[in-house]
């Protein structure tokens, strides 16, 4: 497995799907894409964040938890 950048089509797809998902209260999900096609939306276990951490040698889950905590504290949903 290797890190890659999203293509313009993948980025547009992620933004479009992301707007819909956040509108229905799903803020943290995983999107599986193959050849610029959406094949799966992971709403109960978006484990791609673990792979992101391994590939980038970072801990992105900390930023996600902080983002969620901020929204809970301020009552913001987006």
PDB file of N, CA and C in Angstrom:
ATOM      1  N   UNK A   1       0.843  -1.163   0.000  1.00  0.00           N
ATOM      2  CA  UNK A   1       0.000   0.000   0.000  1.00  0.00           C
ATOM      3  C   UNK A   1       0.893   1.233   0.000  1.00  0.00           C
ATOM      4  N   UNK A   2       0.447   2.252  -0.724  1.00  0.00           N
ATOM      5  CA  UNK A   2       1.209   3.491  -0.759  1.00  0.00           C
ATOM      6  C   UNK A   2       0.263   4.685  -0.760  1.00  0.00           C
ATOM      7  N   UNK A   3       0.750   5.786  -0.230  1.00  0.00           N
ATOM      8  CA  UNK A   3      -0.047   7.015  -0.183  1.00  0.00           C
ATOM      9  C   UNK A   3      -0.122   7.629  -1.578  1.00  0.00           C
ATOM     10  N   UNK A   4      -1.276   8.156  -1.906  1.00  0.00           N
ATOM     11  CA  UNK A   4      -1.467   8.856  -3.177  1.00  0.00           C
ATOM     12  C   UNK A   4      -2.323  10.088  -2.935  1.00  0.00           C
ATOM     13  N   UNK A   5      -2.335  10.976  -3.899  1.00  0.00           N
ATOM     14  CA  UNK A   5      -3.222  12.133  -3.854  1.00  0.00           C
ATOM     15  C   UNK A   5      -4.514  11.787  -4.579  1.00  0.00           C
ATOM     16  N   UNK A   6      -5.602  12.424  -4.157  1.00  0.00           N
ATOM     17  CA  UNK A   6      -6.863  12.227  -4.866  1.00  0.00           C
ATOM     18  C   UNK A   6      -6.809  12.921  -6.218  1.00  0.00           C
ATOM     19  N   UNK A   7      -7.410  12.299  -7.210  1.00  0.00           N
ATOM     20  CA  UNK A   7      -7.541  12.940  -8.516  1.00  0.00           C
ATOM     21  C   UNK A   7      -8.616  14.024  -8.385  1.00  0.00           C
ATOM     22  N   UNK A   8      -8.683  14.956  -9.320  1.00  0.00           N
ATOM     23  CA  UNK A   8      -9.757  15.960  -9.265  1.00  0.00           C
ATOM     24  C   UNK A   8     -11.152  15.329  -9.213  1.00  0.00           C
ATOM     25  N   UNK A   9     -11.372  14.257  -9.959  1.00  0.00           N
ATOM     26  CA  UNK A   9     -12.679  13.587  -9.951  1.00  0.00           C
ATOM     27  C   UNK A   9     -12.954  12.952  -8.590  1.00  0.00           C
ATOM     28  N   UNK A  10     -11.941  12.347  -7.973  1.00  0.00           N
ATOM     29  CA  UNK A  10     -12.121  11.744  -6.653  1.00  0.00           C
ATOM     30  C   UNK A  10     -12.394  12.807  -5.598  1.00  0.00           C
ATOM     31  N   UNK A  11     -11.689  13.915  -5.681  1.00  0.00           N
ATOM     32  CA  UNK A  11     -11.902  15.008  -4.740  1.00  0.00           C
ATOM     33  C   UNK A  11     -13.326  15.561  -4.856  1.00  0.00           C
ATOM     34  N   UNK A  12     -13.786  15.747  -6.072  1.00  0.00           N
ATOM     35  CA  UNK A  12     -15.152  16.240  -6.292  1.00  0.00           C
ATOM     36  C   UNK A  12     -16.175  15.247  -5.734  1.00  0.00           C
ATOM     37  N   UNK A  13     -15.964  13.972  -5.984  1.00  0.00           N
ATOM     38  CA  UNK A  13     -16.853  12.937  -5.473  1.00  0.00           C
ATOM     39  C   UNK A  13     -16.877  12.956  -3.948  1.00  0.00           C
ATOM     40  N   UNK A  14     -15.718  13.022  -3.325  1.00  0.00           N
ATOM     41  CA  UNK A  14     -15.631  13.040  -1.865  1.00  0.00           C
ATOM     42  C   UNK A  14     -16.329  14.271  -1.287  1.00  0.00           C
ATOM     43  N   UNK A  15     -16.167  15.407  -1.919  1.00  0.00           N
ATOM     44  CA  UNK A  15     -16.819  16.628  -1.438  1.00  0.00           C
ATOM     45  C   UNK A  15     -18.338  16.532  -1.569  1.00  0.00           C
ATOM     46  N   UNK A  16     -18.800  16.017  -2.681  1.00  0.00           N
ATOM     47  CA  UNK A  16     -20.240  15.879  -2.906  1.00  0.00           C
ATOM     48  C   UNK A  16     -20.858  14.913  -1.906  1.00  0.00           C
ATOM     49  N   UNK A  17     -20.262  13.740  -1.776  1.00  0.00           N
ATOM     50  CA  UNK A  17     -20.775  12.742  -0.833  1.00  0.00           C
ATOM     51  C   UNK A  17     -20.641  13.272   0.594  1.00  0.00           C
ATOM     52  N   UNK A  18     -19.526  13.939   0.876  1.00  0.00           N
ATOM     53  CA  UNK A  18     -19.296  14.475   2.219  1.00  0.00           C
ATOM     54  C   UNK A  18     -20.350  15.481   2.640  1.00  0.00           C
ATOM     55  N   UNK A  19     -20.757  16.341   1.724  1.00  0.00           N
ATOM     56  CA  UNK A  19     -21.808  17.314   2.046  1.00  0.00           C
ATOM     57  C   UNK A  19     -23.103  16.599   2.432  1.00  0.00           C
ATOM     58  N   UNK A  20     -23.459  15.591   1.677  1.00  0.00           N
ATOM     59  CA  UNK A  20     -24.689  14.847   1.979  1.00  0.00           C
ATOM     60  C   UNK A  20     -24.571  14.124   3.321  1.00  0.00           C
ATOM     61  N   UNK A  21     -23.462  13.455   3.535  1.00  0.00           N
ATOM     62  CA  UNK A  21     -23.300  12.698   4.774  1.00  0.00           C
ATOM     63  C   UNK A  21     -23.309  13.606   5.999  1.00  0.00           C
ATOM     64  N   UNK A  22     -22.620  14.737   5.926  1.00  0.00           N
ATOM     65  CA  UNK A  22     -22.615  15.644   7.080  1.00  0.00           C
ATOM     66  C   UNK A  22     -24.000  16.238   7.319  1.00  0.00           C
ATOM     67  N   UNK A  23     -24.777  16.423   6.260  1.00  0.00           N
ATOM     68  CA  UNK A  23     -26.133  16.953   6.405  1.00  0.00           C
ATOM     69  C   UNK A  23     -27.036  15.994   7.181  1.00  0.00           C
ATOM     70  N   UNK A  24     -26.729  14.710   7.130  1.00  0.00           N
ATOM     71  CA  UNK A  24     -27.529  13.729   7.873  1.00  0.00           C
ATOM     72  C   UNK A  24     -26.838  13.288   9.169  1.00  0.00           C
ATOM     73  N   UNK A  25     -25.804  14.051   9.564  1.00  0.00           N
ATOM     74  CA  UNK A  25     -25.162  13.814  10.859  1.00  0.00           C
ATOM     75  C   UNK A  25     -24.017  12.830  10.870  1.00  0.00           C
ATOM     76  N   UNK A  26     -23.541  12.434   9.714  1.00  0.00           N
ATOM     77  CA  UNK A  26     -22.392  11.518   9.644  1.00  0.00           C
ATOM     78  C   UNK A  26     -21.145  12.342   9.343  1.00  0.00           C
ATOM     79  N   UNK A  27     -20.366  12.612  10.374  1.00  0.00           N
ATOM     80  CA  UNK A  27     -19.215  13.504  10.238  1.00  0.00           C
ATOM     81  C   UNK A  27     -17.918  12.782   9.969  1.00  0.00           C
ATOM     82  N   UNK A  28     -17.830  11.533  10.370  1.00  0.00           N
ATOM     83  CA  UNK A  28     -16.561  10.812  10.245  1.00  0.00           C
ATOM     84  C   UNK A  28     -16.830   9.455   9.623  1.00  0.00           C
ATOM     85  N   UNK A  29     -16.604   9.356   8.341  1.00  0.00           N
ATOM     86  CA  UNK A  29     -16.836   8.114   7.597  1.00  0.00           C
ATOM     87  C   UNK A  29     -15.646   7.861   6.682  1.00  0.00           C
ATOM     88  N   UNK A  30     -15.558   6.664   6.200  1.00  0.00           N
ATOM     89  CA  UNK A  30     -14.522   6.325   5.225  1.00  0.00           C
ATOM     90  C   UNK A  30     -15.156   6.068   3.875  1.00  0.00           C
ATOM     91  N   UNK A  31     -14.555   6.612   2.843  1.00  0.00           N
ATOM     92  CA  UNK A  31     -15.018   6.361   1.479  1.00  0.00           C
ATOM     93  C   UNK A  31     -13.991   5.496   0.776  1.00  0.00           C
ATOM     94  N   UNK A  32     -14.426   4.389   0.231  1.00  0.00           N
ATOM     95  CA  UNK A  32     -13.545   3.522  -0.550  1.00  0.00           C
ATOM     96  C   UNK A  32     -13.772   3.819  -2.026  1.00  0.00           C
ATOM     97  N   UNK A  33     -12.691   4.158  -2.718  1.00  0.00           N
ATOM     98  CA  UNK A  33     -12.761   4.487  -4.140  1.00  0.00           C
ATOM     99  C   UNK A  33     -11.834   3.572  -4.924  1.00  0.00           C
ATOM    100  N   UNK A  34     -12.300   3.141  -6.073  1.00  0.00           N
ATOM    101  CA  UNK A  34     -11.468   2.397  -7.017  1.00  0.00           C
ATOM    102  C   UNK A  34     -11.726   2.978  -8.397  1.00  0.00           C
ATOM    103  N   UNK A  35     -10.658   3.371  -9.068  1.00  0.00           N
ATOM    104  CA  UNK A  35     -10.767   3.944 -10.413  1.00  0.00           C
ATOM    105  C   UNK A  35     -11.794   5.080 -10.480  1.00  0.00           C
ATOM    106  N   UNK A  36     -11.710   5.967  -9.500  1.00  0.00           N
ATOM    107  CA  UNK A  36     -12.575   7.151  -9.432  1.00  0.00           C
ATOM    108  C   UNK A  36     -14.058   6.812  -9.254  1.00  0.00           C
ATOM    109  N   UNK A  37     -14.333   5.629  -8.752  1.00  0.00           N
ATOM    110  CA  UNK A  37     -15.706   5.203  -8.476  1.00  0.00           C
ATOM    111  C   UNK A  37     -15.844   4.900  -6.992  1.00  0.00           C
ATOM    112  N   UNK A  38     -16.954   5.345  -6.404  1.00  0.00           N
ATOM    113  CA  UNK A  38     -17.249   5.054  -5.008  1.00  0.00           C
ATOM    114  C   UNK A  38     -17.757   3.624  -4.904  1.00  0.00           C
ATOM    115  N   UNK A  39     -17.079   2.804  -4.106  1.00  0.00           N
ATOM    116  CA  UNK A  39     -17.516   1.414  -3.980  1.00  0.00           C
ATOM    117  C   UNK A  39     -18.075   1.098  -2.596  1.00  0.00           C
ATOM    118  N   UNK A  40     -17.739   1.937  -1.595  1.00  0.00           N
ATOM    119  CA  UNK A  40     -18.220   1.637  -0.248  1.00  0.00           C
ATOM    120  C   UNK A  40     -18.132   2.889   0.619  1.00  0.00           C
ATOM    121  N   UNK A  41     -19.106   3.026   1.511  1.00  0.00           N
ATOM    122  CA  UNK A  41     -19.083   4.074   2.526  1.00  0.00           C
ATOM    123  C   UNK A  41     -19.060   3.371   3.873  1.00  0.00           C
ATOM    124  N   UNK A  42     -18.010   3.588   4.635  1.00  0.00           N
ATOM    125  CA  UNK A  42     -17.846   2.950   5.938  1.00  0.00           C
ATOM    126  C   UNK A  42     -18.275   3.926   7.028  1.00  0.00           C
ATOM    127  N   UNK A  43     -19.436   3.688   7.604  1.00  0.00           N
ATOM    128  CA  UNK A  43     -19.943   4.600   8.622  1.00  0.00           C
ATOM    129  C   UNK A  43     -19.744   4.068  10.038  1.00  0.00           C
ATOM    130  N   UNK A  44     -19.555   2.776  10.194  1.00  0.00           N
ATOM    131  CA  UNK A  44     -19.393   2.228  11.539  1.00  0.00           C
ATOM    132  C   UNK A  44     -17.948   1.976  11.910  1.00  0.00           C
ATOM    133  N   UNK A  45     -17.079   1.861  10.933  1.00  0.00           N
ATOM    134  CA  UNK A  45     -15.685   1.557  11.230  1.00  0.00           C
ATOM    135  C   UNK A  45     -14.767   2.103  10.125  1.00  0.00           C
ATOM    136  N   UNK A  46     -14.582   3.433  10.096  1.00  0.00           N
ATOM    137  CA  UNK A  46     -13.711   4.016   9.067  1.00  0.00           C
ATOM    138  C   UNK A  46     -12.236   3.820   9.419  1.00  0.00           C
ATOM    139  N   UNK A  47     -11.734   2.614   9.179  1.00  0.00           N
ATOM    140  CA  UNK A  47     -10.384   2.257   9.615  1.00  0.00           C
ATOM    141  C   UNK A  47      -9.277   2.799   8.720  1.00  0.00           C
ATOM    142  N   UNK A  48      -9.648   3.480   7.657  1.00  0.00           N
ATOM    143  CA  UNK A  48      -8.619   4.070   6.793  1.00  0.00           C
ATOM    144  C   UNK A  48      -7.724   5.043   7.529  1.00  0.00           C
ATOM    145  N   UNK A  49      -8.206   5.581   8.636  1.00  0.00           N
ATOM    146  CA  UNK A  49      -7.379   6.514   9.410  1.00  0.00           C
ATOM    147  C   UNK A  49      -6.155   5.802   9.978  1.00  0.00           C
ATOM    148  N   UNK A  50      -6.288   4.516  10.277  1.00  0.00           N
ATOM    149  CA  UNK A  50      -5.127   3.752  10.743  1.00  0.00           C
ATOM    150  C   UNK A  50      -4.083   3.643   9.630  1.00  0.00           C
ATOM    151  N   UNK A  51      -4.531   3.371   8.424  1.00  0.00           N
ATOM    152  CA  UNK A  51      -3.612   3.282   7.289  1.00  0.00           C
ATOM    153  C   UNK A  51      -2.962   4.634   7.011  1.00  0.00           C
ATOM    154  N   UNK A  52      -3.758   5.708   7.117  1.00  0.00           N
ATOM    155  CA  UNK A  52      -3.210   7.048   6.927  1.00  0.00           C
ATOM    156  C   UNK A  52      -2.085   7.310   7.924  1.00  0.00           C
ATOM    157  N   UNK A  53      -2.311   6.945   9.169  1.00  0.00           N
ATOM    158  CA  UNK A  53      -1.279   7.123  10.195  1.00  0.00           C
ATOM    159  C   UNK A  53      -0.024   6.332   9.892  1.00  0.00           C
ATOM    160  N   UNK A  54      -0.197   5.096   9.451  1.00  0.00           N
ATOM    161  CA  UNK A  54       0.975   4.265   9.110  1.00  0.00           C
ATOM    162  C   UNK A  54       1.745   4.841   7.926  1.00  0.00           C
ATOM    163  N   UNK A  55       1.008   5.268   6.908  1.00  0.00           N
ATOM    164  CA  UNK A  55       1.666   5.773   5.700  1.00  0.00           C
ATOM    165  C   UNK A  55       2.353   7.116   5.914  1.00  0.00           C
ATOM    166  N   UNK A  56       1.785   7.943   6.767  1.00  0.00           N
ATOM    167  CA  UNK A  56       2.345   9.283   6.974  1.00  0.00           C
ATOM    168  C   UNK A  56       3.172   9.388   8.252  1.00  0.00           C
ATOM    169  N   UNK A  57       3.187   8.304   9.015  1.00  0.00           N
ATOM    170  CA  UNK A  57       3.902   8.282  10.301  1.00  0.00           C
ATOM    171  C   UNK A  57       3.436   9.422  11.214  1.00  0.00           C
ATOM    172  N   UNK A  58       2.109   9.617  11.224  1.00  0.00           N
ATOM    173  CA  UNK A  58       1.486  10.628  12.065  1.00  0.00           C
ATOM    174  C   UNK A  58       0.385   9.958  12.872  1.00  0.00           C
ATOM    175  N   UNK A  59      -0.320  10.741  13.658  1.00  0.00           N
ATOM    176  CA  UNK A  59      -1.453  10.241  14.427  1.00  0.00           C
ATOM    177  C   UNK A  59      -2.678  11.086  14.102  1.00  0.00           C
ATOM    178  N   UNK A  60      -3.257  10.895  12.916  1.00  0.00           N
ATOM    179  CA  UNK A  60      -4.391  11.727  12.512  1.00  0.00           C
ATOM    180  C   UNK A  60      -5.618  11.555  13.396  1.00  0.00           C
ATOM    181  N   UNK A  61      -5.709  10.441  14.088  1.00  0.00           N
ATOM    182  CA  UNK A  61      -6.868  10.228  14.951  1.00  0.00           C
ATOM    183  C   UNK A  61      -6.946  11.290  16.050  1.00  0.00           C
ATOM    184  N   UNK A  62      -5.804  11.823  16.468  1.00  0.00           N
ATOM    185  CA  UNK A  62      -5.815  12.877  17.483  1.00  0.00           C
ATOM    186  C   UNK A  62      -6.519  14.125  16.956  1.00  0.00           C
ATOM    187  N   UNK A  63      -6.259  14.489  15.713  1.00  0.00           N
ATOM    188  CA  UNK A  63      -6.920  15.657  15.117  1.00  0.00           C
ATOM    189  C   UNK A  63      -8.416  15.413  14.959  1.00  0.00           C
ATOM    190  N   UNK A  64      -8.797  14.196  14.638  1.00  0.00           N
ATOM    191  CA  UNK A  64     -10.222  13.865  14.487  1.00  0.00           C
ATOM    192  C   UNK A  64     -10.937  13.973  15.827  1.00  0.00           C
ATOM    193  N   UNK A  65     -10.343  13.416  16.865  1.00  0.00           N
ATOM    194  CA  UNK A  65     -10.966  13.480  18.192  1.00  0.00           C
ATOM    195  C   UNK A  65     -11.074  14.938  18.644  1.00  0.00           C
ATOM    196  N   UNK A  66     -10.041  15.731  18.423  1.00  0.00           N
ATOM    197  CA  UNK A  66     -10.089  17.144  18.796  1.00  0.00           C
ATOM    198  C   UNK A  66     -11.200  17.870  18.033  1.00  0.00           C
ATOM    199  N   UNK A  67     -11.320  17.592  16.736  1.00  0.00           N
ATOM    200  CA  UNK A  67     -12.350  18.211  15.903  1.00  0.00           C
ATOM    201  C   UNK A  67     -13.740  17.869  16.436  1.00  0.00           C
ATOM    202  N   UNK A  68     -13.954  16.593  16.794  1.00  0.00           N
ATOM    203  CA  UNK A  68     -15.248  16.159  17.315  1.00  0.00           C
ATOM    204  C   UNK A  68     -15.532  16.821  18.662  1.00  0.00           C
ATOM    205  N   UNK A  69     -14.534  16.843  19.536  1.00  0.00           N
ATOM    206  CA  UNK A  69     -14.723  17.455  20.850  1.00  0.00           C
ATOM    207  C   UNK A  69     -15.097  18.928  20.736  1.00  0.00           C
ATOM    208  N   UNK A  70     -14.467  19.641  19.813  1.00  0.00           N
ATOM    209  CA  UNK A  70     -14.778  21.056  19.612  1.00  0.00           C
ATOM    210  C   UNK A  70     -16.234  21.241  19.186  1.00  0.00           C
ATOM    211  N   UNK A  71     -16.705  20.394  18.303  1.00  0.00           N
ATOM    212  CA  UNK A  71     -18.074  20.504  17.841  1.00  0.00           C
ATOM    213  C   UNK A  71     -19.071  20.154  18.948  1.00  0.00           C
ATOM    214  N   UNK A  72     -18.754  19.180  19.756  1.00  0.00           N
ATOM    215  CA  UNK A  72     -19.631  18.816  20.863  1.00  0.00           C
ATOM    216  C   UNK A  72     -19.703  19.964  21.869  1.00  0.00           C
ATOM    217  N   UNK A  73     -18.555  20.558  22.179  1.00  0.00           N
ATOM    218  CA  UNK A  73     -18.508  21.640  23.160  1.00  0.00           C
ATOM    219  C   UNK A  73     -19.235  22.885  22.670  1.00  0.00           C
ATOM    220  N   UNK A  74     -19.157  23.174  21.383  1.00  0.00           N
ATOM    221  CA  UNK A  74     -19.783  24.399  20.855  1.00  0.00           C
ATOM    222  C   UNK A  74     -21.188  24.151  20.318  1.00  0.00           C
ATOM    223  N   UNK A  75     -21.588  22.890  20.239  1.00  0.00           N
ATOM    224  CA  UNK A  75     -22.911  22.575  19.709  1.00  0.00           C
ATOM    225  C   UNK A  75     -22.999  22.653  18.200  1.00  0.00           C
ATOM    226  N   UNK A  76     -21.842  22.822  17.533  1.00  0.00           N
ATOM    227  CA  UNK A  76     -21.840  22.902  16.061  1.00  0.00           C
ATOM    228  C   UNK A  76     -21.919  21.495  15.487  1.00  0.00           C
ATOM    229  N   UNK A  77     -22.674  21.386  14.414  1.00  0.00           N
ATOM    230  CA  UNK A  77     -22.784  20.085  13.760  1.00  0.00           C
ATOM    231  C   UNK A  77     -21.989  20.000  12.482  1.00  0.00           C
ATOM    232  N   UNK A  78     -21.409  21.076  12.039  1.00  0.00           N
ATOM    233  CA  UNK A  78     -20.597  21.024  10.806  1.00  0.00           C
ATOM    234  C   UNK A  78     -19.326  21.778  10.998  1.00  0.00           C
TER     235      UNK A  78
END
